[in-house]
């Protein structure tokens, strides 16, 4: 029975996307014609009103249970999650947005195992409007596990993991990889009408420009509003043969009334409870965006390469201290404990000094005001850039001693 169910699901999950490949352009999502409702006998219906038909694909992911719908492409402007899901039920939460260039994604968290039993995209001949209809039915854990798994699509996989073109051959340039946090379907923190992903992309671009004017080869892990998986951010740094990796964030954290710029280095144990909560939120980014973590390696799970880090960790600590002083000289404000440690996934490169900077916290009124101020951002960018250059020169001077 399980094999029959898996075969049936594979057919319904792929038949329609293949038939729809001739559909192109951008479809607007109509909130008035969209919704998620629980029905009788374990059935849940998902309806998405679209301005036209578009290619799409539907699949399930496990641990945790999620339904994922990819579109090429849907415009979610003006649509809020509560317009689709009035209250949690068998679908406990929903999020959507840009995923990769040319693709957007909807992720629905499932509170109980459910599998699709009907999928359709009827198009009205008169108006051209389309409605994506997905009927889900409660299933056993075994049935769900048999049906779950990201589709095998080499072109899609390459689009997700392809890093920026590496430097060839090795040269003497100093390379800094800047990592604007979040992106695409994962907005990060939100407050005052702004999102962390947008603020940090703007901040990273400004820092990149400043560093380039100083002769530094600065590379961004993303230069658009797209999602980049955590391990791929680190992979980009490796492919660029980076000398330095800096992840930029402006989170929202109520624990401890977090405020002020803070720099984090890697540790198995968080330096405090608030930092532990923050690291847990950051490390869930792939799950939030509907990434398939099946078979993911221990770079995400957290096995440290202790031997390689005997040299890298002191260099990361020195970088953090220098950055804190640079931001202090720029006027801050700094957190009362500006240097902290936690197990952030993006800091787990064994051979590249890496830090994560919370430029401020959107949950704090003062920080939010600063982060929205272009003048303040410009001064802070200069302070960070100066600190990077100072660390570069000091690290180069220490290198012969380290080798001894």
Protein backbone atom coordinates (compact mmCIF):
# COMPACT_ATOMS: atom_id res chain seq x y z
CA UNK A 1 0.00 0.00 0.00
CA UNK A 2 2.84 2.38 0.85
CA UNK A 3 4.49 1.79 -2.51
CA UNK A 4 1.21 2.38 -4.34
CA UNK A 5 0.66 5.62 -2.42
CA UNK A 6 4.19 6.85 -3.20
CA UNK A 7 3.78 6.11 -6.91
CA UNK A 8 0.41 7.87 -6.98
CA UNK A 9 1.81 10.94 -5.25
CA UNK A 10 4.79 11.10 -7.61
CA UNK A 11 2.42 11.14 -10.57
CA UNK A 12 0.16 13.88 -9.26
CA UNK A 13 3.06 16.00 -8.02
CA UNK A 14 4.78 16.12 -11.39
CA UNK A 15 2.10 15.71 -14.05
CA UNK A 16 0.76 19.22 -13.79
CA UNK A 17 4.08 21.12 -13.58
CA UNK A 18 5.31 19.31 -16.70
CA UNK A 19 2.10 20.14 -18.56
CA UNK A 20 2.37 23.76 -17.50
CA UNK A 21 5.89 24.42 -18.74
CA UNK A 22 4.63 26.58 -21.61
CA UNK A 23 3.23 29.08 -19.09
CA UNK A 24 5.48 32.09 -18.54
CA UNK A 25 5.62 35.58 -16.97
CA UNK A 26 4.68 36.80 -13.51
CA UNK A 27 1.41 35.80 -11.83
CA UNK A 28 -0.04 38.06 -9.13
CA UNK A 29 -1.50 36.34 -6.08
CA UNK A 30 -5.07 37.43 -5.30
CA UNK A 31 -5.66 37.33 -1.56
CA UNK A 32 -9.44 37.54 -1.96
CA UNK A 33 -9.45 34.24 -3.85
CA UNK A 34 -6.91 32.52 -1.64
CA UNK A 35 -7.15 30.65 1.64
CA UNK A 36 -6.38 27.54 3.68
CA UNK A 37 -9.30 25.74 5.34
CA UNK A 38 -9.66 22.56 7.37
CA UNK A 39 -12.58 20.32 6.44
CA UNK A 40 -14.16 17.08 7.59
CA UNK A 41 -12.49 13.67 7.74
CA UNK A 42 -8.93 15.01 7.94
CA UNK A 43 -9.03 17.03 4.72
CA UNK A 44 -7.41 20.45 4.30
CA UNK A 45 -7.76 22.59 1.18
CA UNK A 46 -5.23 25.17 -0.04
CA UNK A 47 -6.42 27.63 -2.70
CA UNK A 48 -4.25 30.30 -4.33
CA UNK A 49 -5.89 32.72 -6.73
CA UNK A 50 -3.47 33.73 -9.52
CA UNK A 51 -3.78 36.32 -12.28
CA UNK A 52 -2.65 33.64 -14.73
CA UNK A 53 -1.31 30.12 -14.85
CA UNK A 54 2.41 29.59 -14.14
CA UNK A 55 4.70 26.55 -13.94
CA UNK A 56 4.81 25.16 -10.42
CA UNK A 57 5.86 22.12 -8.43
CA UNK A 58 4.63 20.67 -5.13
CA UNK A 59 6.50 18.43 -2.70
CA UNK A 60 6.71 17.45 0.96
CA UNK A 61 9.64 17.76 3.37
CA UNK A 62 10.07 16.01 6.68
CA UNK A 63 11.67 16.84 10.03
CA UNK A 64 9.79 19.13 10.41
CA UNK A 65 6.79 18.36 8.20
CA UNK A 66 6.32 21.00 5.50
CA UNK A 67 4.47 21.36 2.20
CA UNK A 68 6.45 23.35 -0.37
CA UNK A 69 5.10 24.96 -3.55
CA UNK A 70 7.56 26.54 -5.99
CA UNK A 71 6.29 28.98 -8.65
CA UNK A 72 7.92 30.40 -11.73
CA UNK A 73 6.99 33.07 -10.77
CA UNK A 74 4.40 34.53 -8.33
CA UNK A 75 4.16 38.10 -7.05
CA UNK A 76 3.14 38.13 -3.38
CA UNK A 77 3.02 41.94 -3.02
CA UNK A 78 0.25 43.02 -0.66
CA UNK A 79 -0.40 39.48 0.62
CA UNK A 80 -0.01 38.79 4.35
CA UNK A 81 0.14 35.31 5.92
CA UNK A 82 -3.12 35.86 7.83
CA UNK A 83 -4.90 36.46 4.50
CA UNK A 84 -4.21 32.82 3.65
CA UNK A 85 -4.34 31.27 7.12
CA UNK A 86 -6.83 32.92 9.46
CA UNK A 87 -5.89 30.66 12.38
CA UNK A 88 -3.58 27.67 12.87
CA UNK A 89 -5.02 24.24 12.24
CA UNK A 90 -3.59 21.26 10.42
CA UNK A 91 -1.49 23.92 8.68
CA UNK A 92 0.12 25.71 11.61
CA UNK A 93 1.92 28.51 9.74
CA UNK A 94 2.57 29.73 6.21
CA UNK A 95 5.19 31.98 4.63
CA UNK A 96 6.06 32.93 1.07
CA UNK A 97 8.28 35.12 -1.05
CA UNK A 98 11.25 35.14 -3.42
CA UNK A 99 13.45 32.06 -3.28
CA UNK A 100 15.86 32.05 -6.23
CA UNK A 101 16.03 34.33 -9.31
CA UNK A 102 12.89 33.63 -11.33
CA UNK A 103 11.33 31.48 -8.61
CA UNK A 104 9.15 32.16 -5.57
CA UNK A 105 8.12 29.74 -2.85
CA UNK A 106 5.31 29.02 -0.42
CA UNK A 107 6.07 26.93 2.68
CA UNK A 108 3.25 25.55 4.84
CA UNK A 109 4.13 24.01 8.21
CA UNK A 110 2.06 20.90 8.91
CA UNK A 111 0.98 20.14 12.48
CA UNK A 112 -0.11 16.63 11.47
CA UNK A 113 1.15 14.36 8.67
CA UNK A 114 -0.80 15.08 5.46
CA UNK A 115 -0.25 14.15 1.83
CA UNK A 116 -1.70 15.71 -1.35
CA UNK A 117 -4.59 13.73 -2.83
CA UNK A 118 -5.66 16.31 -5.44
CA UNK A 119 -3.66 19.01 -7.24
CA UNK A 120 -5.08 21.20 -10.00
CA UNK A 121 -4.58 24.54 -11.75
CA UNK A 122 -7.83 25.34 -13.58
CA UNK A 123 -7.65 28.48 -15.75
CA UNK A 124 -10.71 30.57 -16.55
CA UNK A 125 -10.87 30.95 -20.34
CA UNK A 126 -12.62 34.32 -20.19
CA UNK A 127 -10.42 36.15 -17.66
CA UNK A 128 -7.24 34.10 -17.81
CA UNK A 129 -7.27 33.87 -14.02
CA UNK A 130 -6.06 30.61 -12.51
CA UNK A 131 -6.55 28.89 -9.15
CA UNK A 132 -4.03 26.50 -7.71
CA UNK A 133 -5.97 23.91 -5.72
CA UNK A 134 -4.25 21.46 -3.39
CA UNK A 135 -6.27 19.01 -1.29
CA UNK A 136 -4.40 17.40 1.59
CA UNK A 137 -5.51 14.37 3.59
CA UNK A 138 -4.26 13.17 6.96
CA UNK A 139 -1.84 10.24 6.66
CA UNK A 140 0.13 7.95 8.90
CA UNK A 141 3.73 8.90 9.71
CA UNK A 142 4.88 6.01 7.53
CA UNK A 143 2.80 7.19 4.56
CA UNK A 144 4.09 10.73 4.99
CA UNK A 145 7.72 9.59 5.20
CA UNK A 146 7.31 7.55 2.02
CA UNK A 147 5.92 10.57 0.14
CA UNK A 148 8.36 13.21 1.50
CA UNK A 149 11.51 14.34 -0.25
CA UNK A 150 12.64 17.14 -2.53
CA UNK A 151 12.30 16.36 -6.25
CA UNK A 152 15.44 15.38 -8.11
CA UNK A 153 16.14 18.12 -10.63
CA UNK A 154 19.82 18.66 -11.54
CA UNK A 155 19.28 22.11 -13.05
CA UNK A 156 17.41 23.25 -9.93
CA UNK A 157 20.03 21.82 -7.59
CA UNK A 158 22.81 23.59 -9.48
CA UNK A 159 20.92 26.86 -9.27
CA UNK A 160 20.68 26.48 -5.50
CA UNK A 161 24.28 25.55 -4.77
CA UNK A 162 26.34 27.19 -7.51
CA UNK A 163 28.73 29.57 -5.72
CA UNK A 164 30.18 32.73 -7.13
CA UNK A 165 33.06 32.25 -9.56
CA UNK A 166 36.25 31.64 -7.57
CA UNK A 167 39.47 33.58 -7.94
CA UNK A 168 41.84 31.89 -10.33
CA UNK A 169 44.72 31.70 -9.87
CA UNK A 170 45.60 32.47 -6.25
CA UNK A 171 46.83 36.03 -5.90
CA UNK A 172 47.78 38.47 -3.21
CA UNK A 173 44.50 40.32 -3.00
CA UNK A 174 42.76 40.52 0.38
CA UNK A 175 39.25 39.06 -0.01
CA UNK A 176 36.39 39.73 2.38
CA UNK A 177 33.08 37.89 1.95
CA UNK A 178 30.16 39.91 3.32
CA UNK A 179 27.03 37.96 4.15
CA UNK A 180 23.79 39.99 4.33
CA UNK A 181 21.56 37.92 6.60
CA UNK A 182 18.33 36.28 5.48
CA UNK A 183 16.82 37.10 2.06
CA UNK A 184 13.99 36.10 -0.23
CA UNK A 185 11.35 34.01 1.50
CA UNK A 186 13.16 34.54 4.83
CA UNK A 187 12.75 38.23 5.76
CA UNK A 188 14.42 37.99 9.16
CA UNK A 189 13.28 40.47 11.77
CA UNK A 190 10.61 43.01 10.89
CA UNK A 191 9.76 46.30 12.62
CA UNK A 192 8.59 49.77 11.69
CA UNK A 193 7.82 48.78 8.12
CA UNK A 194 11.37 47.56 7.41
CA UNK A 195 12.85 44.08 7.22
CA UNK A 196 16.23 42.82 8.34
CA UNK A 197 16.95 41.30 4.93
CA UNK A 198 16.53 44.67 3.14
CA UNK A 199 18.46 46.70 5.71
CA UNK A 200 21.39 44.31 5.76
CA UNK A 201 21.59 44.07 1.97
CA UNK A 202 21.78 47.87 1.79
CA UNK A 203 24.35 47.92 4.60
CA UNK A 204 26.46 45.18 2.95
CA UNK A 205 26.46 46.97 -0.41
CA UNK A 206 27.65 50.18 1.25
CA UNK A 207 30.38 48.30 3.12
CA UNK A 208 31.40 46.54 -0.08
CA UNK A 209 31.78 49.88 -1.89
CA UNK A 210 33.83 51.34 0.96
CA UNK A 211 36.17 48.35 1.10
CA UNK A 212 36.63 48.29 -2.67
CA UNK A 213 37.68 51.94 -2.63
CA UNK A 214 40.33 50.90 -0.10
CA UNK A 215 41.64 48.19 -2.44
CA UNK A 216 39.87 45.25 -0.78
CA UNK A 217 38.18 42.60 -2.91
CA UNK A 218 34.76 42.49 -1.22
CA UNK A 219 32.22 39.86 -2.32
CA UNK A 220 28.56 39.49 -1.27
CA UNK A 221 26.93 36.12 -0.62
CA UNK A 222 23.78 37.63 -2.14
CA UNK A 223 23.32 40.85 -4.10
CA UNK A 224 19.56 40.57 -4.48
CA UNK A 225 16.46 39.65 -2.50
CA UNK A 226 16.98 35.89 -2.79
CA UNK A 227 17.38 33.03 -0.34
CA UNK A 228 20.84 31.53 0.18
CA UNK A 229 21.15 28.41 2.34
CA UNK A 230 23.43 28.69 5.37
CA UNK A 231 25.97 26.13 4.21
CA UNK A 232 26.08 27.75 0.76
CA UNK A 233 27.04 31.08 2.31
CA UNK A 234 30.08 29.39 3.80
CA UNK A 235 30.72 27.55 0.51
CA UNK A 236 30.85 30.88 -1.33
CA UNK A 237 33.57 32.05 1.05
CA UNK A 238 35.58 28.90 0.36
CA UNK A 239 35.17 29.18 -3.41
CA UNK A 240 36.31 32.79 -3.23
CA UNK A 241 39.34 31.70 -1.20
CA UNK A 242 38.29 34.36 1.29
CA UNK A 243 40.59 35.82 3.91
CA UNK A 244 37.64 36.90 6.04
CA UNK A 245 33.92 36.15 6.43
CA UNK A 246 31.52 38.64 8.06
CA UNK A 247 27.80 37.92 8.45
CA UNK A 248 25.62 41.01 8.95
CA UNK A 249 22.37 41.01 10.91
CA UNK A 250 19.91 43.26 12.75
CA UNK A 251 17.70 40.84 14.61
CA UNK A 252 14.74 41.22 16.93
CA UNK A 253 15.25 39.75 20.38
CA UNK A 254 13.23 40.48 23.48
CA UNK A 255 15.25 38.38 25.89
CA UNK A 256 17.36 40.66 28.05
CA UNK A 257 16.27 43.84 26.25
CA UNK A 258 18.94 43.40 23.58
CA UNK A 259 20.30 46.64 22.13
CA UNK A 260 23.47 47.99 20.59
CA UNK A 261 26.01 46.53 18.19
CA UNK A 262 27.30 43.08 19.13
CA UNK A 263 29.97 40.84 17.58
CA UNK A 264 29.75 37.04 17.83
CA UNK A 265 32.44 34.41 17.39
CA UNK A 266 31.92 30.66 17.22
CA UNK A 267 31.47 28.49 20.28
CA UNK A 268 29.72 25.22 21.09
CA UNK A 269 28.20 26.92 24.12
CA UNK A 270 26.40 30.25 23.97
CA UNK A 271 27.75 32.96 26.27
CA UNK A 272 24.25 33.60 27.67
CA UNK A 273 20.61 32.54 27.27
CA UNK A 274 19.67 35.42 24.98
CA UNK A 275 22.55 34.58 22.64
CA UNK A 276 21.50 30.93 22.63
CA UNK A 277 17.98 31.95 21.52
CA UNK A 278 19.45 34.21 18.85
CA UNK A 279 21.68 31.47 17.44
CA UNK A 280 18.76 29.04 17.37
CA UNK A 281 16.70 31.56 15.36
CA UNK A 282 19.51 32.14 12.87
CA UNK A 283 20.23 28.44 12.43
CA UNK A 284 16.58 27.76 11.52
CA UNK A 285 16.79 29.90 8.38
CA UNK A 286 16.99 26.88 6.05
CA UNK A 287 13.93 25.27 7.65
CA UNK A 288 12.00 28.56 7.42
CA UNK A 289 12.71 28.75 3.70
CA UNK A 290 11.72 25.14 3.03
CA UNK A 291 15.21 23.80 2.35
CA UNK A 292 15.65 20.04 2.30
CA UNK A 293 18.12 19.15 5.05
CA UNK A 294 17.99 15.41 4.42
CA UNK A 295 21.53 14.12 4.41
CA UNK A 296 23.02 17.52 5.25
CA UNK A 297 26.52 17.26 6.55
CA UNK A 298 27.86 18.14 9.94
CA UNK A 299 28.84 21.62 8.81
CA UNK A 300 25.26 22.55 9.73
CA UNK A 301 24.90 20.06 12.58
CA UNK A 302 27.98 21.33 14.38
CA UNK A 303 31.05 19.03 14.43
CA UNK A 304 34.01 21.36 14.89
CA UNK A 305 37.30 20.78 13.12
CA UNK A 306 39.38 21.49 16.20
CA UNK A 307 42.83 21.12 14.68
CA UNK A 308 42.25 23.65 11.88
CA UNK A 309 40.58 26.06 14.28
CA UNK A 310 43.55 26.20 16.63
CA UNK A 311 44.86 28.93 14.35
CA UNK A 312 41.55 30.33 13.05
CA UNK A 313 39.75 30.90 16.36
CA UNK A 314 42.32 33.33 17.85
CA UNK A 315 42.29 35.26 14.58
CA UNK A 316 38.48 35.45 14.70
CA UNK A 317 38.66 36.65 18.30
CA UNK A 318 41.18 39.34 17.36
CA UNK A 319 38.93 40.41 14.49
CA UNK A 320 35.93 40.67 16.82
CA UNK A 321 37.87 42.83 19.28
CA UNK A 322 39.09 45.12 16.49
CA UNK A 323 35.59 45.46 15.03
CA UNK A 324 34.15 46.38 18.42
CA UNK A 325 36.76 49.11 18.83
CA UNK A 326 36.09 50.37 15.29
CA UNK A 327 32.35 50.59 15.88
CA UNK A 328 32.98 52.27 19.23
CA UNK A 329 35.16 54.89 17.53
CA UNK A 330 32.35 55.42 15.00
CA UNK A 331 30.00 56.34 17.83
CA UNK A 332 28.26 53.01 18.36
CA UNK A 333 26.15 52.49 20.34
CA UNK A 334 27.49 49.15 21.51
CA UNK A 335 25.83 46.47 23.56
CA UNK A 336 26.88 46.47 27.23
CA UNK A 337 28.57 43.11 26.46
CA UNK A 338 29.56 43.63 22.83
CA UNK A 339 31.66 40.44 22.47
CA UNK A 340 29.72 37.16 22.68
CA UNK A 341 29.99 33.55 21.53
CA UNK A 342 27.48 31.06 20.11
CA UNK A 343 27.09 28.20 17.65
CA UNK A 344 26.04 30.14 14.55
CA UNK A 345 26.10 27.84 11.52
CA UNK A 346 27.58 30.48 9.21
CA UNK A 347 30.66 30.77 11.46
CA UNK A 348 31.64 27.10 11.20
CA UNK A 349 34.33 27.46 8.57
CA UNK A 350 37.47 25.87 9.97
CA UNK A 351 39.98 27.82 7.87
CA UNK A 352 38.47 31.32 7.47
CA UNK A 353 38.32 33.82 10.34
CA UNK A 354 34.59 34.44 10.73
CA UNK A 355 32.37 36.70 12.82
CA UNK A 356 28.71 37.66 12.93
CA UNK A 357 27.80 41.29 13.59
CA UNK A 358 24.43 42.32 14.93
CA UNK A 359 24.64 45.94 13.79
CA UNK A 360 21.70 46.63 16.08
CA UNK A 361 18.38 45.12 17.14
CA UNK A 362 15.14 46.03 15.40
CA UNK A 363 13.33 45.22 18.65
CA UNK A 364 14.99 48.25 20.27
CA UNK A 365 13.54 51.67 19.44
CA UNK A 366 16.90 53.45 19.46
CA UNK A 367 18.58 50.84 17.29
CA UNK A 368 15.68 50.83 14.84
CA UNK A 369 15.93 54.60 14.47
CA UNK A 370 19.67 54.36 13.84
CA UNK A 371 19.36 51.53 11.33
CA UNK A 372 16.82 53.53 9.32
CA UNK A 373 19.11 56.59 9.30
CA UNK A 374 21.38 56.63 6.20
CA UNK A 375 23.84 59.00 7.89
CA UNK A 376 24.25 56.70 10.91
CA UNK A 377 24.65 53.69 8.64
CA UNK A 378 27.34 55.48 6.62
CA UNK A 379 29.35 56.31 9.76
CA UNK A 380 29.02 52.74 11.05
CA UNK A 381 30.09 51.34 7.66
CA UNK A 382 33.22 53.49 7.79
CA UNK A 383 34.01 52.31 11.31
CA UNK A 384 33.69 48.63 10.32
CA UNK A 385 35.74 49.14 7.15
CA UNK A 386 38.53 50.86 9.09
CA UNK A 387 38.54 48.01 11.60
CA UNK A 388 38.82 45.41 8.82
CA UNK A 389 41.83 47.19 7.35
CA UNK A 390 43.44 47.49 10.78
CA UNK A 391 42.92 43.78 11.44
CA UNK A 392 44.29 42.87 8.01
CA UNK A 393 47.55 44.70 8.66
CA UNK A 394 47.91 43.36 12.22
CA UNK A 395 47.09 39.80 11.13
CA UNK A 396 49.69 39.96 8.38
CA UNK A 397 52.29 41.15 10.92
CA UNK A 398 51.40 38.27 13.28
CA UNK A 399 51.46 35.59 10.55
CA UNK A 400 55.21 34.79 10.72
CA UNK A 401 54.97 34.37 14.51
CA UNK A 402 51.95 32.05 14.17
CA UNK A 403 53.80 29.84 11.69
CA UNK A 404 56.71 29.55 14.15
